[in-house]
Amino acid sequence: MEQLVDKIFEINLEDIENFNFPYDELFGLKIVHNFETYCFLIRFTHSDKLICLGSGAEKRNEKNFDRPIFQRHTWYSEFNASVIYYSDPIFLRSRTAKCGWCVGTPHEYYLDYIKKILQKLCLNKQIKNKNILFYGSSAGGFTSIKLGTYFKGSKVLVNNPQIDVRNYNDEYYDKLLKVCFRNMAKEDVENEFSDRLNVFSSFKEEKYIPKIHYLLELYSDVDFENNLLPFLREIKKLNIDNSINPIQILIYNENGFHTPLNKATTIKLINDLSNNLTISLNNVQDIELGDHVRFSVPDNFINDNLKSSNKLKFISDEGKSIFIHEYATNKDLSERNFISKLNSLKSEIDSSLLFDEIIDSKGITLYKIRVKENKIRTYFFFEKFKKSYLMVFNNFKDENYEAKIANEIISEMKMQVYIN
């Protein structure tokens, strides 16, 4: 930490509550417990709000192999609230471990002791749980969800989080086991310490699910399949009432894969959420998934992804517009991928009326999505003349009529066509 701050306080857990920490400057805190070193970067303000940030996986090199990791530590001056960054002690235990999820060792549960330190720091500055926001991406999202569960009333903002560490990168997980559980078989670790390896154990222990705002990269299939779907599936099984803490899922599309949301938007979301403002991404539509989950998607995801397609406009006999987007056969229909993902959610959420799939005798698939204010948007995917097409209906109410029009267009292409 010497490379980041001028002041570092090395004290015991018992000393934190009454310690005279400075205001309005970034400083380090180091606490040793059971031969493990816990490191924090802290900036206290006179605000009653606190933002706690955890770190995800980090590449190790000659510049950071012997020091704690504080991802996004340069952001601290962008926040209006007090800020605490916590580092996973695994980074000081191993020069090569890239990720640890604060799982700890057989003798020391890192996240539990981090929780105790944070509790003492909050007592020192009289910060209430309702004014705390936990933020992190990837592994930092995992620890943020678990900490938010223990600090009841706090808020959680996570970006592409892991939900169960066993479902993440095998290399990182195996390295964790080797570094922290070197004399134990994997099966024994997973049996004895399973509560440390997933977020659901914390929900069960506390009989509580925190207010989670869940950011997801739309085209990160790993994050969707291995994390979001299991997350929704398992919380449904827990039978824990989270009506006062509805889960918000915000979808974005920037660079694909496991890429976090851009810095400027993330900082705005953190500040807004810390100040108890309703958060959203620009131009989103909200889709209700069951009673306690809101799924927000980019309002312009169609247009953004169809710039390279030919756009055809049909006028129906009701006078309503129907848009068709034409692709080459080798064009990847990203919208098809998106709708497929929504369809996967259907089986995980009690919301059978959210979107229905209808397949007629000719094999046409209809996807219907109800967006806010009872607006209906319907999608057809089909192929004709060796090209792929996406057909978009806006606010038609009659499914049979939509299917009839779609069949007429696909079979005969006899309606008047306008090229936009």
Protein backbone atom coordinates (compact mmCIF):
# COMPACT_ATOMS: atom_id res chain seq x y z
CA MET A 1 0.00 0.00 0.00
CA GLU A 2 3.00 2.26 0.39
CA GLN A 3 2.87 2.90 -3.36
CA LEU A 4 -0.69 4.27 -3.08
CA VAL A 5 -0.92 6.29 0.14
CA ASP A 6 1.31 8.18 2.55
CA LYS A 7 -0.50 7.12 5.73
CA ILE A 8 -1.02 3.50 6.76
CA PHE A 9 -2.48 2.63 10.15
CA GLU A 10 -1.60 -0.80 11.59
CA ILE A 11 -3.99 -1.54 14.44
CA ASN A 12 -6.04 -4.38 15.94
CA LEU A 13 -9.72 -5.06 15.34
CA GLU A 14 -10.57 -3.99 18.88
CA ASP A 15 -8.99 -0.57 18.32
CA ILE A 16 -10.98 0.38 15.24
CA GLU A 17 -14.19 1.60 16.83
CA ASN A 18 -12.55 4.41 18.80
CA PHE A 19 -9.61 5.17 16.51
CA ASN A 20 -9.20 8.75 15.26
CA PHE A 21 -9.19 8.26 11.49
CA PRO A 22 -8.60 11.33 9.29
CA TYR A 23 -11.19 12.87 6.98
CA ASP A 24 -10.95 13.80 3.31
CA GLU A 25 -7.76 11.93 2.47
CA LEU A 26 -7.02 8.44 1.19
CA PHE A 27 -5.17 6.28 3.72
CA GLY A 28 -4.37 2.64 4.29
CA LEU A 29 -5.47 0.31 7.07
CA LYS A 30 -3.65 -2.92 7.86
CA ILE A 31 -4.84 -5.52 10.37
CA VAL A 32 -3.11 -8.83 11.09
CA HIS A 33 -5.16 -11.72 12.41
CA ASN A 34 -4.14 -15.38 12.63
CA PHE A 35 -1.04 -14.58 10.55
CA GLU A 36 -3.22 -13.22 7.73
CA THR A 37 -2.95 -9.58 6.62
CA TYR A 38 -6.10 -7.62 5.85
CA CYS A 39 -5.57 -4.43 3.83
CA PHE A 40 -7.96 -1.57 3.12
CA LEU A 41 -7.86 1.77 1.31
CA ILE A 42 -10.18 4.28 2.95
CA ARG A 43 -11.36 7.84 2.39
CA PHE A 44 -13.80 9.11 5.00
CA THR A 45 -15.92 12.18 4.33
CA HIS A 46 -18.50 13.88 6.52
CA SER A 47 -21.24 12.22 4.48
CA ASP A 48 -23.43 9.62 6.17
CA LYS A 49 -23.10 7.42 3.05
CA LEU A 50 -20.51 4.69 2.47
CA ILE A 51 -19.43 2.81 -0.66
CA CYS A 52 -17.51 -0.47 -0.23
CA LEU A 53 -15.69 -1.88 -3.25
CA GLY A 54 -14.28 -5.36 -3.80
CA SER A 55 -11.96 -6.61 -6.52
CA GLY A 56 -12.25 -9.28 -9.18
CA ALA A 57 -9.56 -11.38 -10.81
CA GLU A 58 -6.21 -9.66 -11.35
CA LYS A 59 -3.27 -10.57 -13.53
CA ARG A 60 -0.14 -10.87 -11.43
CA ASN A 61 3.21 -9.45 -12.53
CA GLU A 62 6.38 -7.94 -11.11
CA LYS A 63 4.49 -4.74 -10.28
CA ASN A 64 1.83 -6.28 -8.04
CA PHE A 65 2.97 -9.75 -6.96
CA ASP A 66 3.79 -8.58 -3.41
CA ARG A 67 0.99 -6.14 -2.66
CA PRO A 68 -2.78 -6.06 -2.04
CA ILE A 69 -5.12 -5.50 -4.98
CA PHE A 70 -7.55 -2.58 -5.02
CA GLN A 71 -9.25 -2.45 -8.38
CA ARG A 72 -10.72 0.94 -9.34
CA HIS A 73 -8.92 2.65 -6.46
CA THR A 74 -8.35 5.72 -8.65
CA TRP A 75 -12.12 6.27 -8.72
CA TYR A 76 -12.37 7.24 -5.06
CA SER A 77 -12.41 10.99 -5.72
CA GLU A 78 -15.38 10.54 -8.10
CA PHE A 79 -17.66 9.42 -5.26
CA ASN A 80 -19.65 11.72 -3.02
CA ALA A 81 -19.67 9.29 -0.11
CA SER A 82 -17.02 7.77 2.13
CA VAL A 83 -15.19 4.95 0.37
CA ILE A 84 -13.64 1.67 1.55
CA TYR A 85 -11.72 -0.70 -0.72
CA TYR A 86 -10.95 -4.15 0.67
CA SER A 87 -8.37 -6.57 -0.70
CA ASP A 88 -8.49 -10.36 -0.63
CA PRO A 89 -5.67 -11.60 1.65
CA ILE A 90 -4.94 -14.34 -0.89
CA PHE A 91 -2.98 -11.76 -2.89
CA LEU A 92 -0.42 -11.53 -0.08
CA ARG A 93 -0.44 -15.28 0.54
CA SER A 94 0.42 -16.08 -3.09
CA ARG A 95 2.33 -14.23 -5.78
CA THR A 96 0.51 -16.02 -8.59
CA ALA A 97 -3.11 -16.41 -7.43
CA LYS A 98 -5.35 -14.26 -9.62
CA CYS A 99 -8.57 -14.57 -7.67
CA GLY A 100 -9.76 -15.78 -4.27
CA TRP A 101 -13.37 -14.66 -3.65
CA CYS A 102 -12.26 -14.05 -0.02
CA VAL A 103 -12.89 -17.76 0.62
CA GLY A 104 -9.92 -18.03 2.97
CA THR A 105 -8.28 -21.10 4.49
CA PRO A 106 -9.46 -23.97 6.72
CA HIS A 107 -8.53 -21.85 9.74
CA GLU A 108 -9.64 -18.38 8.58
CA TYR A 109 -12.69 -17.27 6.61
CA TYR A 110 -11.43 -14.06 4.99
CA LEU A 111 -14.81 -12.57 4.14
CA ASP A 112 -16.14 -13.11 7.64
CA TYR A 113 -13.23 -11.17 9.15
CA ILE A 114 -13.56 -8.45 6.50
CA LYS A 115 -17.21 -8.19 7.56
CA LYS A 116 -16.16 -7.70 11.19
CA ILE A 117 -13.67 -4.99 10.23
CA LEU A 118 -16.27 -3.17 8.13
CA GLN A 119 -18.75 -3.33 11.00
CA LYS A 120 -16.23 -1.69 13.32
CA LEU A 121 -15.42 1.00 10.75
CA CYS A 122 -19.11 1.79 10.38
CA LEU A 123 -19.48 2.06 14.14
CA ASN A 124 -16.52 4.44 14.20
CA LYS A 125 -18.24 6.83 11.77
CA GLN A 126 -21.82 6.00 12.87
CA ILE A 127 -22.78 4.85 9.39
CA LYS A 128 -26.08 2.97 9.23
CA ASN A 129 -26.60 -0.11 7.10
CA LYS A 130 -29.26 1.63 5.00
CA ASN A 131 -26.58 4.09 3.84
CA ILE A 132 -24.07 1.45 2.70
CA LEU A 133 -23.60 0.38 -0.92
CA PHE A 134 -21.51 -2.65 -1.85
CA TYR A 135 -20.11 -2.67 -5.39
CA GLY A 136 -17.97 -5.13 -7.30
CA SER A 137 -17.65 -6.97 -10.59
CA SER A 138 -16.89 -10.64 -11.18
CA ALA A 139 -15.37 -11.99 -7.93
CA GLY A 140 -15.92 -8.56 -6.36
CA GLY A 141 -19.59 -8.97 -7.22
CA PHE A 142 -19.63 -12.30 -5.40
CA THR A 143 -18.23 -10.80 -2.19
CA SER A 144 -20.52 -7.76 -2.51
CA ILE A 145 -23.65 -9.92 -2.59
CA LYS A 146 -22.53 -11.90 0.47
CA LEU A 147 -21.56 -8.77 2.42
CA GLY A 148 -24.84 -7.08 1.48
CA THR A 149 -26.66 -10.06 2.96
CA TYR A 150 -24.93 -9.58 6.32
CA PHE A 151 -25.45 -5.79 6.37
CA LYS A 152 -29.24 -5.91 6.30
CA GLY A 153 -30.78 -2.83 4.73
CA SER A 154 -27.74 -2.06 2.58
CA LYS A 155 -27.74 -1.93 -1.22
CA VAL A 156 -25.74 -4.07 -3.65
CA LEU A 157 -24.62 -3.19 -7.19
CA VAL A 158 -22.83 -5.99 -9.04
CA ASN A 159 -21.54 -6.42 -12.58
CA ASN A 160 -21.24 -9.90 -14.12
CA PRO A 161 -20.83 -11.44 -10.65
CA GLN A 162 -19.98 -15.02 -9.86
CA ILE A 163 -22.78 -16.73 -7.95
CA ASP A 164 -20.93 -19.98 -7.22
CA VAL A 165 -17.14 -19.93 -7.48
CA ARG A 166 -17.11 -23.54 -8.69
CA ASN A 167 -18.77 -22.44 -11.92
CA TYR A 168 -16.04 -19.98 -12.82
CA ASN A 169 -12.64 -20.43 -14.46
CA ASP A 170 -11.21 -23.83 -13.49
CA GLU A 171 -7.67 -22.47 -13.48
CA TYR A 172 -8.52 -19.77 -10.93
CA TYR A 173 -10.57 -22.10 -8.75
CA ASP A 174 -7.91 -24.83 -8.75
CA LYS A 175 -5.29 -22.23 -7.85
CA LEU A 176 -7.43 -21.11 -4.92
CA LEU A 177 -7.63 -24.69 -3.65
CA LYS A 178 -3.90 -25.20 -4.06
CA VAL A 179 -2.95 -21.98 -2.27
CA CYS A 180 -5.49 -21.97 0.55
CA PHE A 181 -6.43 -25.64 1.01
CA ARG A 182 -3.21 -27.32 -0.03
CA ASN A 183 -3.61 -30.45 2.07
CA MET A 184 -7.28 -31.05 1.32
CA ALA A 185 -8.97 -32.86 -1.56
CA LYS A 186 -11.36 -30.78 -3.63
CA GLU A 187 -14.32 -32.92 -2.56
CA ASP A 188 -13.49 -32.37 1.11
CA VAL A 189 -13.21 -28.60 0.66
CA GLU A 190 -16.55 -28.45 -1.15
CA ASN A 191 -18.24 -30.55 1.52
CA GLU A 192 -16.81 -28.78 4.56
CA PHE A 193 -16.74 -25.19 3.25
CA SER A 194 -19.55 -25.12 0.73
CA ASP A 195 -21.11 -22.15 2.55
CA ARG A 196 -18.14 -20.02 1.43
CA LEU A 197 -18.41 -21.00 -2.23
CA ASN A 198 -21.85 -19.65 -3.18
CA VAL A 199 -24.12 -16.72 -2.33
CA PHE A 200 -27.18 -18.85 -1.53
CA SER A 201 -25.68 -20.15 1.70
CA SER A 202 -25.65 -16.58 3.01
CA PHE A 203 -29.26 -16.06 1.96
CA LYS A 204 -30.24 -19.23 3.82
CA GLU A 205 -28.18 -18.40 6.90
CA GLU A 206 -29.65 -14.92 7.23
CA LYS A 207 -33.09 -15.80 5.78
CA TYR A 208 -32.66 -12.64 3.76
CA ILE A 209 -31.89 -11.48 0.22
CA PRO A 210 -30.43 -7.98 -0.08
CA LYS A 211 -31.55 -5.31 -2.53
CA ILE A 212 -29.47 -6.36 -5.54
CA HIS A 213 -28.96 -4.37 -8.74
CA TYR A 214 -27.43 -6.84 -11.19
CA LEU A 215 -25.58 -5.57 -14.30
CA LEU A 216 -25.11 -8.12 -17.08
CA GLU A 217 -23.28 -7.95 -20.40
CA LEU A 218 -25.90 -9.12 -22.89
CA TYR A 219 -23.62 -11.33 -24.97
CA SER A 220 -21.59 -12.92 -22.20
CA ASP A 221 -23.00 -16.42 -22.48
CA VAL A 222 -20.88 -17.66 -19.56
CA ASP A 223 -22.29 -15.02 -17.22
CA PHE A 224 -25.82 -15.71 -18.41
CA GLU A 225 -25.71 -19.50 -18.32
CA ASN A 226 -23.42 -20.06 -15.31
CA ASN A 227 -24.52 -17.19 -13.10
CA LEU A 228 -27.75 -15.33 -13.90
CA LEU A 229 -29.92 -18.36 -14.66
CA PRO A 230 -28.72 -20.37 -11.61
CA PHE A 231 -29.15 -17.24 -9.49
CA LEU A 232 -32.79 -16.78 -10.49
CA ARG A 233 -33.44 -20.51 -10.27
CA GLU A 234 -32.06 -20.89 -6.76
CA ILE A 235 -33.57 -17.81 -5.14
CA LYS A 236 -36.94 -19.04 -6.36
CA LYS A 237 -36.35 -22.31 -4.46
CA LEU A 238 -35.32 -20.55 -1.25
CA ASN A 239 -38.83 -19.33 -0.52
CA ILE A 240 -37.50 -16.13 1.04
CA ASP A 241 -39.75 -13.10 0.65
CA ASN A 242 -37.76 -10.37 -1.06
CA SER A 243 -40.75 -8.18 -1.97
CA ILE A 244 -39.20 -5.27 -0.09
CA ASN A 245 -35.90 -5.85 -1.89
CA PRO A 246 -36.82 -6.54 -5.52
CA ILE A 247 -33.93 -7.61 -7.72
CA GLN A 248 -33.16 -5.34 -10.65
CA ILE A 249 -31.35 -6.84 -13.62
CA LEU A 250 -29.89 -4.28 -16.02
CA ILE A 251 -28.68 -5.44 -19.42
CA TYR A 252 -26.03 -3.62 -21.46
CA ASN A 253 -24.05 -4.42 -24.58
CA GLU A 254 -20.57 -2.94 -24.94
CA ASN A 255 -17.76 -5.31 -25.84
CA GLY A 256 -19.26 -8.70 -25.16
CA PHE A 257 -17.82 -11.54 -23.09
CA HIS A 258 -17.09 -10.77 -19.42
CA THR A 259 -16.50 -7.06 -20.00
CA PRO A 260 -17.74 -4.75 -17.22
CA LEU A 261 -19.81 -1.65 -17.92
CA ASN A 262 -17.80 1.46 -18.83
CA LYS A 263 -16.30 3.62 -16.09
CA ALA A 264 -18.40 6.77 -16.55
CA THR A 265 -21.74 4.96 -16.46
CA THR A 266 -20.67 2.76 -13.55
CA ILE A 267 -19.62 5.76 -11.45
CA LYS A 268 -22.93 7.47 -12.16
CA LEU A 269 -24.87 4.36 -11.15
CA ILE A 270 -22.86 4.02 -7.93
CA ASN A 271 -23.37 7.67 -6.98
CA ASP A 272 -27.07 7.61 -7.85
CA LEU A 273 -27.70 4.40 -5.95
CA SER A 274 -25.70 5.63 -2.97
CA ASN A 275 -27.94 8.70 -2.91
CA ASN A 276 -31.07 6.52 -2.97
CA LEU A 277 -31.98 7.47 -6.53
CA THR A 278 -33.66 5.07 -8.92
CA ILE A 279 -31.08 3.80 -11.35
CA SER A 280 -31.36 2.76 -14.97
CA LEU A 281 -29.26 2.63 -18.10
CA ASN A 282 -30.06 5.06 -20.89
CA ASN A 283 -33.05 4.12 -23.06
CA VAL A 284 -34.22 0.97 -21.35
CA GLN A 285 -37.45 -0.96 -21.29
CA ASP A 286 -38.48 -2.64 -18.06
CA ILE A 287 -39.85 -6.18 -18.21
CA GLU A 288 -41.39 -7.64 -15.09
CA LEU A 289 -40.20 -11.18 -14.40
CA GLY A 290 -42.45 -12.42 -11.66
CA ASP A 291 -43.36 -10.33 -8.64
CA HIS A 292 -39.92 -9.41 -7.37
CA VAL A 293 -37.58 -9.25 -10.37
CA ARG A 294 -37.34 -6.40 -12.88
CA PHE A 295 -35.39 -7.05 -16.07
CA SER A 296 -34.26 -3.88 -17.91
CA VAL A 297 -33.12 -4.13 -21.52
CA PRO A 298 -31.75 -1.44 -23.86
CA ASP A 299 -34.64 0.21 -25.67
CA ASN A 300 -32.55 0.55 -28.81
CA PHE A 301 -31.01 -2.91 -28.84
CA ILE A 302 -32.80 -3.66 -32.11
CA ASN A 303 -31.61 -0.55 -33.91
CA ASP A 304 -28.07 -0.69 -32.56
CA ASN A 305 -27.59 -4.22 -33.81
CA LEU A 306 -29.33 -3.83 -37.17
CA LYS A 307 -27.35 -0.99 -38.71
CA SER A 308 -25.80 -3.31 -41.27
CA SER A 309 -29.10 -4.89 -42.29
CA ASN A 310 -31.53 -3.86 -45.02
CA LYS A 311 -34.67 -2.50 -43.40
CA LEU A 312 -38.02 -3.17 -45.09
CA LYS A 313 -41.30 -1.62 -43.98
CA PHE A 314 -44.69 -3.23 -44.58
CA ILE A 315 -48.09 -1.61 -44.10
CA SER A 316 -50.77 -4.00 -42.87
CA ASP A 317 -54.45 -3.71 -43.69
CA GLU A 318 -54.92 -2.29 -40.17
CA GLY A 319 -52.65 0.56 -41.15
CA LYS A 320 -49.96 -0.47 -38.70
CA SER A 321 -46.29 -0.70 -39.55
CA ILE A 322 -44.37 -3.95 -39.60
CA PHE A 323 -40.59 -3.81 -39.92
CA ILE A 324 -38.47 -6.57 -41.38
CA HIS A 325 -34.68 -6.69 -41.17
CA GLU A 326 -32.86 -8.67 -43.83
CA TYR A 327 -29.54 -10.44 -43.25
CA ALA A 328 -27.18 -12.58 -45.26
CA THR A 329 -27.47 -16.22 -44.28
CA ASN A 330 -24.20 -16.14 -42.37
CA LYS A 331 -25.26 -13.10 -40.33
CA ASP A 332 -25.49 -13.88 -36.64
CA LEU A 333 -28.90 -12.76 -35.41
CA SER A 334 -27.95 -11.23 -32.08
CA GLU A 335 -31.63 -10.52 -31.43
CA ARG A 336 -32.37 -14.22 -31.80
CA ASN A 337 -29.74 -14.82 -29.11
CA PHE A 338 -31.35 -12.22 -26.88
CA ILE A 339 -34.87 -13.56 -27.30
CA SER A 340 -33.57 -17.06 -26.70
CA LYS A 341 -32.15 -15.86 -23.40
CA LEU A 342 -35.44 -14.32 -22.41
CA ASN A 343 -37.11 -17.59 -23.27
CA SER A 344 -34.68 -19.41 -20.97
CA LEU A 345 -35.71 -17.11 -18.15
CA LYS A 346 -39.30 -18.14 -18.68
CA SER A 347 -38.67 -21.50 -17.06
CA GLU A 348 -36.99 -19.88 -14.06
CA ILE A 349 -39.58 -17.22 -13.23
CA ASP A 350 -43.27 -17.48 -12.37
CA SER A 351 -44.39 -15.24 -15.20
CA SER A 352 -45.92 -17.45 -17.85
CA LEU A 353 -47.72 -14.53 -19.47
CA LEU A 354 -44.57 -12.50 -19.94
CA PHE A 355 -43.73 -13.90 -23.33
CA ASP A 356 -45.31 -16.80 -25.20
CA GLU A 357 -43.81 -18.96 -27.89
CA ILE A 358 -46.17 -20.01 -30.68
CA ILE A 359 -45.08 -22.36 -33.46
CA ASP A 360 -47.45 -22.74 -36.39
CA SER A 361 -47.59 -25.58 -38.89
CA LYS A 362 -44.95 -23.97 -41.05
CA GLY A 363 -42.46 -23.81 -38.20
CA ILE A 364 -42.65 -20.08 -37.61
CA THR A 365 -41.70 -19.02 -34.09
CA LEU A 366 -43.34 -16.01 -32.47
CA TYR A 367 -41.84 -14.33 -29.40
CA LYS A 368 -44.07 -11.85 -27.60
CA ILE A 369 -42.65 -9.45 -25.00
CA ARG A 370 -44.78 -7.21 -22.83
CA VAL A 371 -42.91 -4.01 -22.00
CA LYS A 372 -44.00 -1.21 -19.67
CA GLU A 373 -47.34 0.56 -20.12
CA ASN A 374 -48.80 -2.63 -21.60
CA LYS A 375 -47.02 -2.15 -24.90
CA ILE A 376 -46.50 -5.31 -26.87
CA ARG A 377 -43.57 -6.08 -29.14
CA THR A 378 -43.56 -9.30 -31.13
CA TYR A 379 -40.71 -10.91 -33.07
CA PHE A 380 -40.69 -13.47 -35.88
CA PHE A 381 -37.52 -15.10 -37.19
CA PHE A 382 -37.57 -16.77 -40.58
CA GLU A 383 -35.49 -17.54 -43.66
CA LYS A 384 -36.44 -16.93 -47.31
CA PHE A 385 -34.50 -16.61 -50.54
CA LYS A 386 -31.39 -17.87 -48.74
CA LYS A 387 -31.47 -14.92 -46.37
CA SER A 388 -32.37 -14.55 -42.70
CA TYR A 389 -35.05 -12.14 -41.53
CA LEU A 390 -36.24 -10.65 -38.28
CA MET A 391 -39.84 -9.35 -38.34
CA VAL A 392 -40.91 -6.84 -35.68
CA PHE A 393 -44.54 -6.06 -34.78
CA ASN A 394 -45.29 -3.11 -32.51
CA ASN A 395 -48.29 -3.27 -30.21
CA PHE A 396 -50.46 -5.73 -32.12
CA LYS A 397 -52.88 -7.39 -29.72
CA ASP A 398 -54.16 -10.32 -31.75
CA GLU A 399 -51.69 -13.21 -31.88
CA ASN A 400 -53.66 -15.02 -34.58
CA TYR A 401 -53.70 -11.90 -36.72
CA GLU A 402 -49.95 -11.49 -36.29
CA ALA A 403 -49.37 -15.08 -37.32
CA LYS A 404 -51.67 -14.63 -40.35
CA ILE A 405 -49.83 -11.50 -41.50
CA ALA A 406 -46.45 -13.12 -40.92
CA ASN A 407 -47.44 -16.12 -42.99
CA GLU A 408 -48.67 -13.92 -45.82
CA ILE A 409 -45.45 -11.94 -45.87
CA ILE A 410 -43.23 -14.97 -45.66
CA SER A 411 -45.19 -17.09 -48.13
CA GLU A 412 -45.97 -14.56 -50.82
CA MET A 413 -44.27 -11.24 -49.99
CA LYS A 414 -47.39 -9.70 -51.59
CA MET A 415 -47.79 -6.63 -49.34
CA GLN A 416 -46.56 -3.21 -50.37
CA VAL A 417 -42.92 -2.71 -49.45
CA TYR A 418 -41.22 0.57 -48.64
CA ILE A 419 -37.43 0.75 -48.39
CA ASN A 420 -36.43 3.11 -45.58
